[in-house]
Amino acid sequence: MKNRKLNHSGQVALIMVLIMTVVSAVAVSVASRSTVETRVQQQNIDNAQAILTAQAGLEAAVNQNSEVTGSLGDGKQYTVTRADAGSNSVSVDKISSGETVEVNLVNAVGVTGVKVYWKSAVVGGKPAIFVSDVRADKSIDYAYDTDGTGGFTKIVSGGTISGVSYDYVTPIISVLAGTSLKLRVTNLVSASLIAIEPIGGTLPPQTTNYKSVSSLTTGQTTLKYGVEYLESKEDQLPSVFDYVMFSGGSIIQ
């Protein structure tokens, strides 16, 4: 009888040990998952704060039209740089048929002409362009396509500008310093990518580039994020040229 009781007690103790082991494992798993979820949630909050900080700096710089550096407290800081662009060339990402790109020629330095580069933004597309040299008293128009029909001039060769290859490029289109006000390029038939190159000199700045970099320091970790805004001067370029782009965030331990 005594041996039976001892064996029974030993089995109960073993079962209790197993139960405690399972309960402990479950508790550790739940605690670990809770810690990971808390960490992910905090990281998402930090990411959002870093983005908002960069946007706040960007808005301040655009409003003041200058470079700015500032702090929002709690380890949140931003630095915004500003630079004009578009004097040596102008490139526009995908624009649809019927959209127009306008390049300001007022105050151009030494520019005697321009070349327009373009290529299809869709497979099988054959975009055409209609170019107008807008002057104070009149407009001189040019039309180019890939077939040479309907009064358009056929273009069969392309070129490279700013390291980007284009399927087609116009001959030099002459402009008059002090008389030509703007170059208007209308995209036709299908979506395309367009670039304009000044010949003989430089264009007045066409865009202003704002780049805001924020940093968020929490403990031993610094999270960085960037926002870039390209603003057209005098509404010369289509809305596709005004954009906000978020860079990938980086964490520095």
C-alpha atoms as a PDB file:
ATOM      1  CA  MET A   1       0.000   0.000   0.000  1.00  0.00           C
ATOM      2  CA  LYS A   2       2.792   2.406   0.877  1.00  0.00           C
ATOM      3  CA  ASN A   3       4.588   1.762  -2.429  1.00  0.00           C
ATOM      4  CA  ARG A   4       1.340   2.358  -4.330  1.00  0.00           C
ATOM      5  CA  LYS A   5       0.823   5.692  -2.582  1.00  0.00           C
ATOM      6  CA  LEU A   6       4.393   6.695  -3.282  1.00  0.00           C
ATOM      7  CA  ASN A   7       4.038   5.811  -6.989  1.00  0.00           C
ATOM      8  CA  HIS A   8       0.767   7.708  -7.196  1.00  0.00           C
ATOM      9  CA  SER A   9       2.314  10.771  -5.548  1.00  0.00           C
ATOM     10  CA  GLY A  10       5.246  10.627  -7.946  1.00  0.00           C
ATOM     11  CA  GLN A  11       2.918  10.562 -10.991  1.00  0.00           C
ATOM     12  CA  VAL A  12       0.977  13.545  -9.658  1.00  0.00           C
ATOM     13  CA  ALA A  13       4.220  15.475  -9.131  1.00  0.00           C
ATOM     14  CA  LEU A  14       5.401  14.632 -12.656  1.00  0.00           C
ATOM     15  CA  ILE A  15       2.095  15.791 -14.134  1.00  0.00           C
ATOM     16  CA  MET A  16       2.278  19.025 -12.165  1.00  0.00           C
ATOM     17  CA  VAL A  17       5.816  19.622 -13.437  1.00  0.00           C
ATOM     18  CA  LEU A  18       4.677  19.069 -17.038  1.00  0.00           C
ATOM     19  CA  ILE A  19       1.723  21.403 -16.566  1.00  0.00           C
ATOM     20  CA  MET A  20       3.941  24.098 -15.071  1.00  0.00           C
ATOM     21  CA  THR A  21       6.404  23.674 -17.945  1.00  0.00           C
ATOM     22  CA  VAL A  22       3.655  24.139 -20.562  1.00  0.00           C
ATOM     23  CA  VAL A  23       2.194  27.119 -18.715  1.00  0.00           C
ATOM     24  CA  SER A  24       5.635  28.723 -18.436  1.00  0.00           C
ATOM     25  CA  ALA A  25       6.315  28.194 -22.158  1.00  0.00           C
ATOM     26  CA  VAL A  26       2.970  29.759 -23.078  1.00  0.00           C
ATOM     27  CA  ALA A  27       3.623  32.701 -20.764  1.00  0.00           C
ATOM     28  CA  VAL A  28       7.076  33.283 -22.259  1.00  0.00           C
ATOM     29  CA  SER A  29       5.632  33.076 -25.797  1.00  0.00           C
ATOM     30  CA  VAL A  30       2.862  35.559 -24.991  1.00  0.00           C
ATOM     31  CA  ALA A  31       5.323  37.945 -23.313  1.00  0.00           C
ATOM     32  CA  SER A  32       7.712  37.703 -26.272  1.00  0.00           C
ATOM     33  CA  ARG A  33       4.942  38.349 -28.779  1.00  0.00           C
ATOM     34  CA  SER A  34       3.704  41.290 -26.740  1.00  0.00           C
ATOM     35  CA  THR A  35       7.235  42.749 -26.650  1.00  0.00           C
ATOM     36  CA  VAL A  36       7.626  42.379 -30.432  1.00  0.00           C
ATOM     37  CA  GLU A  37       4.226  43.937 -31.112  1.00  0.00           C
ATOM     38  CA  THR A  38       5.039  46.839 -28.778  1.00  0.00           C
ATOM     39  CA  ARG A  39       8.365  47.356 -30.530  1.00  0.00           C
ATOM     40  CA  VAL A  40       6.734  47.290 -34.000  1.00  0.00           C
ATOM     41  CA  GLN A  41       4.033  49.692 -32.855  1.00  0.00           C
ATOM     42  CA  GLN A  42       6.628  52.086 -31.453  1.00  0.00           C
ATOM     43  CA  GLN A  43       8.662  51.858 -34.670  1.00  0.00           C
ATOM     44  CA  ASN A  44       5.563  52.726 -36.727  1.00  0.00           C
ATOM     45  CA  ILE A  45       4.942  55.716 -34.461  1.00  0.00           C
ATOM     46  CA  ASP A  46       8.577  56.841 -34.844  1.00  0.00           C
ATOM     47  CA  ASN A  47       8.373  56.459 -38.646  1.00  0.00           C
ATOM     48  CA  ALA A  48       5.220  58.576 -38.768  1.00  0.00           C
ATOM     49  CA  GLN A  49       6.787  61.258 -36.570  1.00  0.00           C
ATOM     50  CA  ALA A  50       9.930  61.347 -38.736  1.00  0.00           C
ATOM     51  CA  ILE A  51       7.818  61.770 -41.893  1.00  0.00           C
ATOM     52  CA  LEU A  52       5.714  64.508 -40.300  1.00  0.00           C
ATOM     53  CA  THR A  53       8.854  66.276 -39.117  1.00  0.00           C
ATOM     54  CA  ALA A  54      10.298  66.253 -42.642  1.00  0.00           C
ATOM     55  CA  GLN A  55       7.005  67.544 -44.033  1.00  0.00           C
ATOM     56  CA  ALA A  56       6.891  70.308 -41.425  1.00  0.00           C
ATOM     57  CA  GLY A  57      10.368  71.442 -42.470  1.00  0.00           C
ATOM     58  CA  LEU A  58       9.369  71.306 -46.126  1.00  0.00           C
ATOM     59  CA  GLU A  59       6.301  73.462 -45.542  1.00  0.00           C
ATOM     60  CA  ALA A  60       8.360  76.002 -43.603  1.00  0.00           C
ATOM     61  CA  ALA A  61      10.950  76.217 -46.392  1.00  0.00           C
ATOM     62  CA  VAL A  62       8.341  76.609 -49.150  1.00  0.00           C
ATOM     63  CA  ASN A  63       6.496  79.296 -47.190  1.00  0.00           C
ATOM     64  CA  GLN A  64       9.729  81.220 -46.552  1.00  0.00           C
ATOM     65  CA  ASN A  65      11.210  80.394 -49.974  1.00  0.00           C
ATOM     66  CA  SER A  66      14.540  79.653 -48.323  1.00  0.00           C
ATOM     67  CA  GLU A  67      16.630  76.997 -46.647  1.00  0.00           C
ATOM     68  CA  VAL A  68      15.642  76.334 -43.047  1.00  0.00           C
ATOM     69  CA  THR A  69      16.758  74.318 -40.029  1.00  0.00           C
ATOM     70  CA  GLY A  70      14.517  73.720 -37.064  1.00  0.00           C
ATOM     71  CA  SER A  71      13.397  71.526 -34.198  1.00  0.00           C
ATOM     72  CA  LEU A  72       9.996  70.317 -33.050  1.00  0.00           C
ATOM     73  CA  GLY A  73      11.294  69.171 -29.683  1.00  0.00           C
ATOM     74  CA  ASP A  74      11.511  65.632 -28.267  1.00  0.00           C
ATOM     75  CA  GLY A  75      14.493  64.813 -30.467  1.00  0.00           C
ATOM     76  CA  LYS A  76      12.747  65.817 -33.748  1.00  0.00           C
ATOM     77  CA  GLN A  77      14.841  68.004 -36.074  1.00  0.00           C
ATOM     78  CA  TYR A  78      14.821  68.933 -39.761  1.00  0.00           C
ATOM     79  CA  THR A  79      17.159  70.526 -42.296  1.00  0.00           C
ATOM     80  CA  VAL A  80      15.895  71.767 -45.672  1.00  0.00           C
ATOM     81  CA  THR A  81      18.094  72.661 -48.651  1.00  0.00           C
ATOM     82  CA  ARG A  82      16.904  74.665 -51.638  1.00  0.00           C
ATOM     83  CA  ALA A  83      18.302  74.860 -55.182  1.00  0.00           C
ATOM     84  CA  ASP A  84      17.103  76.107 -58.550  1.00  0.00           C
ATOM     85  CA  ALA A  85      17.206  73.670 -61.471  1.00  0.00           C
ATOM     86  CA  GLY A  86      16.406  73.446 -65.167  1.00  0.00           C
ATOM     87  CA  SER A  87      18.938  75.895 -66.607  1.00  0.00           C
ATOM     88  CA  ASN A  88      20.886  73.295 -68.601  1.00  0.00           C
ATOM     89  CA  SER A  89      17.993  71.005 -69.468  1.00  0.00           C
ATOM     90  CA  VAL A  90      14.397  70.247 -68.555  1.00  0.00           C
ATOM     91  CA  SER A  91      13.042  66.709 -68.336  1.00  0.00           C
ATOM     92  CA  VAL A  92       9.470  65.699 -67.616  1.00  0.00           C
ATOM     93  CA  ASP A  93       8.279  62.259 -66.605  1.00  0.00           C
ATOM     94  CA  LYS A  94       5.318  60.539 -68.226  1.00  0.00           C
ATOM     95  CA  ILE A  95       2.683  62.938 -69.511  1.00  0.00           C
ATOM     96  CA  SER A  96      -0.511  61.973 -71.292  1.00  0.00           C
ATOM     97  CA  SER A  97      -1.702  62.916 -74.751  1.00  0.00           C
ATOM     98  CA  GLY A  98      -2.943  66.506 -74.761  1.00  0.00           C
ATOM     99  CA  GLU A  99      -0.746  67.694 -71.870  1.00  0.00           C
ATOM    100  CA  THR A 100       1.569  70.640 -72.433  1.00  0.00           C
ATOM    101  CA  VAL A 101       5.054  71.486 -71.172  1.00  0.00           C
ATOM    102  CA  GLU A 102       5.988  75.175 -71.126  1.00  0.00           C
ATOM    103  CA  VAL A 103       9.595  76.316 -70.772  1.00  0.00           C
ATOM    104  CA  ASN A 104      10.274  79.926 -69.830  1.00  0.00           C
ATOM    105  CA  LEU A 105      12.676  81.703 -72.233  1.00  0.00           C
ATOM    106  CA  VAL A 106      12.595  85.162 -70.661  1.00  0.00           C
ATOM    107  CA  ASN A 107      16.071  86.043 -69.349  1.00  0.00           C
ATOM    108  CA  ALA A 108      17.680  83.070 -71.072  1.00  0.00           C
ATOM    109  CA  VAL A 109      21.415  83.645 -71.479  1.00  0.00           C
ATOM    110  CA  GLY A 110      22.910  83.098 -74.949  1.00  0.00           C
ATOM    111  CA  VAL A 111      20.244  80.605 -76.047  1.00  0.00           C
ATOM    112  CA  THR A 112      19.840  80.605 -79.840  1.00  0.00           C
ATOM    113  CA  GLY A 113      17.739  77.472 -80.156  1.00  0.00           C
ATOM    114  CA  VAL A 114      16.364  74.368 -78.451  1.00  0.00           C
ATOM    115  CA  LYS A 115      16.088  70.666 -79.133  1.00  0.00           C
ATOM    116  CA  VAL A 116      13.128  68.606 -77.947  1.00  0.00           C
ATOM    117  CA  TYR A 117      13.681  64.935 -77.079  1.00  0.00           C
ATOM    118  CA  TRP A 118      10.885  62.440 -76.538  1.00  0.00           C
ATOM    119  CA  LYS A 119      10.082  58.740 -76.325  1.00  0.00           C
ATOM    120  CA  SER A 120       7.025  56.619 -75.784  1.00  0.00           C
ATOM    121  CA  ALA A 121       6.041  55.887 -72.192  1.00  0.00           C
ATOM    122  CA  VAL A 122       3.918  52.917 -73.266  1.00  0.00           C
ATOM    123  CA  VAL A 123       4.817  49.825 -75.270  1.00  0.00           C
ATOM    124  CA  GLY A 124       4.010  50.290 -78.957  1.00  0.00           C
ATOM    125  CA  GLY A 125       3.142  53.977 -78.586  1.00  0.00           C
ATOM    126  CA  LYS A 126       4.041  56.498 -81.284  1.00  0.00           C
ATOM    127  CA  PRO A 127       3.782  59.905 -79.621  1.00  0.00           C
ATOM    128  CA  ALA A 128       3.937  63.076 -81.684  1.00  0.00           C
ATOM    129  CA  ILE A 129       4.675  66.607 -80.472  1.00  0.00           C
ATOM    130  CA  PHE A 130       3.489  70.066 -81.429  1.00  0.00           C
ATOM    131  CA  VAL A 131       6.005  72.813 -80.580  1.00  0.00           C
ATOM    132  CA  SER A 132       5.273  76.528 -80.413  1.00  0.00           C
ATOM    133  CA  ASP A 133       7.852  79.303 -80.099  1.00  0.00           C
ATOM    134  CA  VAL A 134       5.651  81.863 -78.366  1.00  0.00           C
ATOM    135  CA  ARG A 135       6.763  85.441 -79.031  1.00  0.00           C
ATOM    136  CA  ALA A 136       5.389  88.800 -78.021  1.00  0.00           C
ATOM    137  CA  ASP A 137       3.661  89.354 -81.368  1.00  0.00           C
ATOM    138  CA  LYS A 138       3.134  85.855 -82.794  1.00  0.00           C
ATOM    139  CA  SER A 139       3.693  82.138 -82.405  1.00  0.00           C
ATOM    140  CA  ILE A 140       5.837  80.003 -84.719  1.00  0.00           C
ATOM    141  CA  ASP A 141       4.683  76.394 -84.752  1.00  0.00           C
ATOM    142  CA  TYR A 142       6.388  73.083 -85.561  1.00  0.00           C
ATOM    143  CA  ALA A 143       4.940  69.561 -85.684  1.00  0.00           C
ATOM    144  CA  TYR A 144       6.904  66.309 -85.468  1.00  0.00           C
ATOM    145  CA  ASP A 145       5.913  62.637 -85.489  1.00  0.00           C
ATOM    146  CA  THR A 146       7.242  59.213 -86.489  1.00  0.00           C
ATOM    147  CA  ASP A 147       5.328  58.898 -89.786  1.00  0.00           C
ATOM    148  CA  GLY A 148       5.544  62.296 -91.476  1.00  0.00           C
ATOM    149  CA  THR A 149       1.838  62.497 -92.344  1.00  0.00           C
ATOM    150  CA  GLY A 150      -0.753  65.249 -92.014  1.00  0.00           C
ATOM    151  CA  GLY A 151       1.777  68.064 -92.230  1.00  0.00           C
ATOM    152  CA  PHE A 152       4.044  66.661 -89.491  1.00  0.00           C
ATOM    153  CA  THR A 153       7.795  66.391 -89.999  1.00  0.00           C
ATOM    154  CA  LYS A 154       9.006  62.808 -89.734  1.00  0.00           C
ATOM    155  CA  ILE A 155      11.673  62.109 -87.112  1.00  0.00           C
ATOM    156  CA  VAL A 156      13.634  58.864 -87.382  1.00  0.00           C
ATOM    157  CA  SER A 157      16.506  59.291 -84.930  1.00  0.00           C
ATOM    158  CA  GLY A 158      16.943  59.985 -81.239  1.00  0.00           C
ATOM    159  CA  GLY A 159      19.625  61.126 -78.840  1.00  0.00           C
ATOM    160  CA  THR A 160      20.822  61.248 -75.257  1.00  0.00           C
ATOM    161  CA  ILE A 161      20.522  64.086 -72.776  1.00  0.00           C
ATOM    162  CA  SER A 162      21.562  64.061 -69.102  1.00  0.00           C
ATOM    163  CA  GLY A 163      22.426  60.384 -69.434  1.00  0.00           C
ATOM    164  CA  VAL A 164      18.924  59.403 -70.621  1.00  0.00           C
ATOM    165  CA  SER A 165      18.329  58.011 -74.117  1.00  0.00           C
ATOM    166  CA  TYR A 166      15.321  59.187 -76.119  1.00  0.00           C
ATOM    167  CA  ASP A 167      13.914  57.631 -79.300  1.00  0.00           C
ATOM    168  CA  TYR A 168      13.385  60.930 -81.110  1.00  0.00           C
ATOM    169  CA  VAL A 169      14.905  64.410 -81.179  1.00  0.00           C
ATOM    170  CA  THR A 170      13.952  67.461 -83.232  1.00  0.00           C
ATOM    171  CA  PRO A 171      16.381  69.526 -85.304  1.00  0.00           C
ATOM    172  CA  ILE A 172      17.466  72.765 -83.606  1.00  0.00           C
ATOM    173  CA  ILE A 173      14.435  75.029 -83.271  1.00  0.00           C
ATOM    174  CA  SER A 174      15.617  78.647 -83.487  1.00  0.00           C
ATOM    175  CA  VAL A 175      14.499  81.135 -80.828  1.00  0.00           C
ATOM    176  CA  LEU A 176      15.187  84.850 -80.567  1.00  0.00           C
ATOM    177  CA  ALA A 177      16.736  86.317 -77.429  1.00  0.00           C
ATOM    178  CA  GLY A 178      14.563  89.059 -75.997  1.00  0.00           C
ATOM    179  CA  THR A 179      11.666  88.163 -78.313  1.00  0.00           C
ATOM    180  CA  SER A 180      10.813  84.524 -77.628  1.00  0.00           C
ATOM    181  CA  LEU A 181       8.887  84.346 -74.350  1.00  0.00           C
ATOM    182  CA  LYS A 182       8.335  80.643 -73.925  1.00  0.00           C
ATOM    183  CA  LEU A 183       8.509  77.288 -75.659  1.00  0.00           C
ATOM    184  CA  ARG A 184       5.272  75.315 -75.521  1.00  0.00           C
ATOM    185  CA  VAL A 185       5.455  71.557 -76.252  1.00  0.00           C
ATOM    186  CA  THR A 186       2.168  69.671 -76.540  1.00  0.00           C
ATOM    187  CA  ASN A 187       2.259  65.886 -76.395  1.00  0.00           C
ATOM    188  CA  LEU A 188      -0.026  64.078 -78.858  1.00  0.00           C
ATOM    189  CA  VAL A 189      -1.288  60.550 -79.700  1.00  0.00           C
ATOM    190  CA  SER A 190       0.117  58.627 -76.714  1.00  0.00           C
ATOM    191  CA  ALA A 191       1.873  59.138 -73.381  1.00  0.00           C
ATOM    192  CA  SER A 192       5.539  60.069 -73.578  1.00  0.00           C
ATOM    193  CA  LEU A 193       8.601  61.304 -71.714  1.00  0.00           C
ATOM    194  CA  ILE A 194       9.942  64.680 -72.862  1.00  0.00           C
ATOM    195  CA  ALA A 195      13.164  66.648 -72.403  1.00  0.00           C
ATOM    196  CA  ILE A 196      14.231  70.084 -73.674  1.00  0.00           C
ATOM    197  CA  GLU A 197      17.847  71.122 -74.277  1.00  0.00           C
ATOM    198  CA  PRO A 198      18.929  74.744 -74.781  1.00  0.00           C
ATOM    199  CA  ILE A 199      21.485  75.393 -77.526  1.00  0.00           C
ATOM    200  CA  GLY A 200      24.209  78.022 -77.178  1.00  0.00           C
ATOM    201  CA  GLY A 201      23.475  79.056 -73.588  1.00  0.00           C
ATOM    202  CA  THR A 202      21.368  78.461 -70.501  1.00  0.00           C
ATOM    203  CA  LEU A 203      17.703  78.798 -69.657  1.00  0.00           C
ATOM    204  CA  PRO A 204      16.434  80.753 -66.674  1.00  0.00           C
ATOM    205  CA  PRO A 205      15.781  78.388 -63.738  1.00  0.00           C
ATOM    206  CA  GLN A 206      12.610  76.399 -64.386  1.00  0.00           C
ATOM    207  CA  THR A 207      12.086  74.725 -61.022  1.00  0.00           C
ATOM    208  CA  THR A 208      13.008  75.040 -57.368  1.00  0.00           C
ATOM    209  CA  ASN A 209      14.064  71.862 -55.595  1.00  0.00           C
ATOM    210  CA  TYR A 210      13.427  71.594 -51.846  1.00  0.00           C
ATOM    211  CA  LYS A 211      14.905  68.624 -49.961  1.00  0.00           C
ATOM    212  CA  SER A 212      13.947  68.126 -46.330  1.00  0.00           C
ATOM    213  CA  VAL A 213      15.788  65.600 -44.134  1.00  0.00           C
ATOM    214  CA  SER A 214      14.447  64.900 -40.653  1.00  0.00           C
ATOM    215  CA  SER A 215      16.027  63.071 -37.746  1.00  0.00           C
ATOM    216  CA  LEU A 216      14.239  61.558 -34.785  1.00  0.00           C
ATOM    217  CA  THR A 217      16.381  60.515 -31.838  1.00  0.00           C
ATOM    218  CA  THR A 218      14.909  58.122 -29.269  1.00  0.00           C
ATOM    219  CA  GLY A 219      17.374  56.693 -26.763  1.00  0.00           C
ATOM    220  CA  GLN A 220      20.352  55.291 -28.666  1.00  0.00           C
ATOM    221  CA  THR A 221      18.508  55.181 -32.012  1.00  0.00           C
ATOM    222  CA  THR A 222      18.301  57.919 -34.667  1.00  0.00           C
ATOM    223  CA  LEU A 223      15.737  57.553 -37.444  1.00  0.00           C
ATOM    224  CA  LYS A 224      16.234  59.650 -40.602  1.00  0.00           C
ATOM    225  CA  TYR A 225      13.741  60.378 -43.355  1.00  0.00           C
ATOM    226  CA  GLY A 226      13.780  62.550 -46.476  1.00  0.00           C
ATOM    227  CA  VAL A 227      11.130  64.414 -48.455  1.00  0.00           C
ATOM    228  CA  GLU A 228      11.757  66.140 -51.789  1.00  0.00           C
ATOM    229  CA  TYR A 229       9.538  68.689 -53.504  1.00  0.00           C
ATOM    230  CA  LEU A 230      10.100  70.035 -57.007  1.00  0.00           C
ATOM    231  CA  GLU A 231       8.155  73.237 -57.619  1.00  0.00           C
ATOM    232  CA  SER A 232       7.638  74.738 -61.055  1.00  0.00           C
ATOM    233  CA  LYS A 233       8.456  78.422 -61.402  1.00  0.00           C
ATOM    234  CA  GLU A 234       5.641  80.587 -62.790  1.00  0.00           C
ATOM    235  CA  ASP A 235       3.512  77.489 -63.508  1.00  0.00           C
ATOM    236  CA  GLN A 236       5.540  76.735 -66.619  1.00  0.00           C
ATOM    237  CA  LEU A 237       5.475  72.950 -66.286  1.00  0.00           C
ATOM    238  CA  PRO A 238       2.557  70.514 -65.981  1.00  0.00           C
ATOM    239  CA  SER A 239       1.315  69.387 -62.600  1.00  0.00           C
ATOM    240  CA  VAL A 240       3.182  66.089 -63.001  1.00  0.00           C
ATOM    241  CA  PHE A 241       6.363  68.094 -62.391  1.00  0.00           C
ATOM    242  CA  ASP A 242       5.263  69.125 -58.878  1.00  0.00           C
ATOM    243  CA  TYR A 243       5.606  66.118 -56.637  1.00  0.00           C
ATOM    244  CA  VAL A 244       6.528  64.918 -53.199  1.00  0.00           C
ATOM    245  CA  MET A 245       8.769  61.897 -52.908  1.00  0.00           C
ATOM    246  CA  PHE A 246       9.625  60.047 -49.730  1.00  0.00           C
ATOM    247  CA  SER A 247      13.074  58.525 -49.413  1.00  0.00           C
ATOM    248  CA  GLY A 248      13.633  55.283 -47.576  1.00  0.00           C
ATOM    249  CA  GLY A 249      14.144  55.826 -43.876  1.00  0.00           C
ATOM    250  CA  SER A 250      17.413  54.822 -42.267  1.00  0.00           C
ATOM    251  CA  ILE A 251      18.018  53.823 -38.682  1.00  0.00           C
ATOM    252  CA  ILE A 252      21.359  54.706 -37.088  1.00  0.00           C
ATOM    253  CA  GLN A 253      22.215  52.926 -33.841  1.00  0.00           C
END
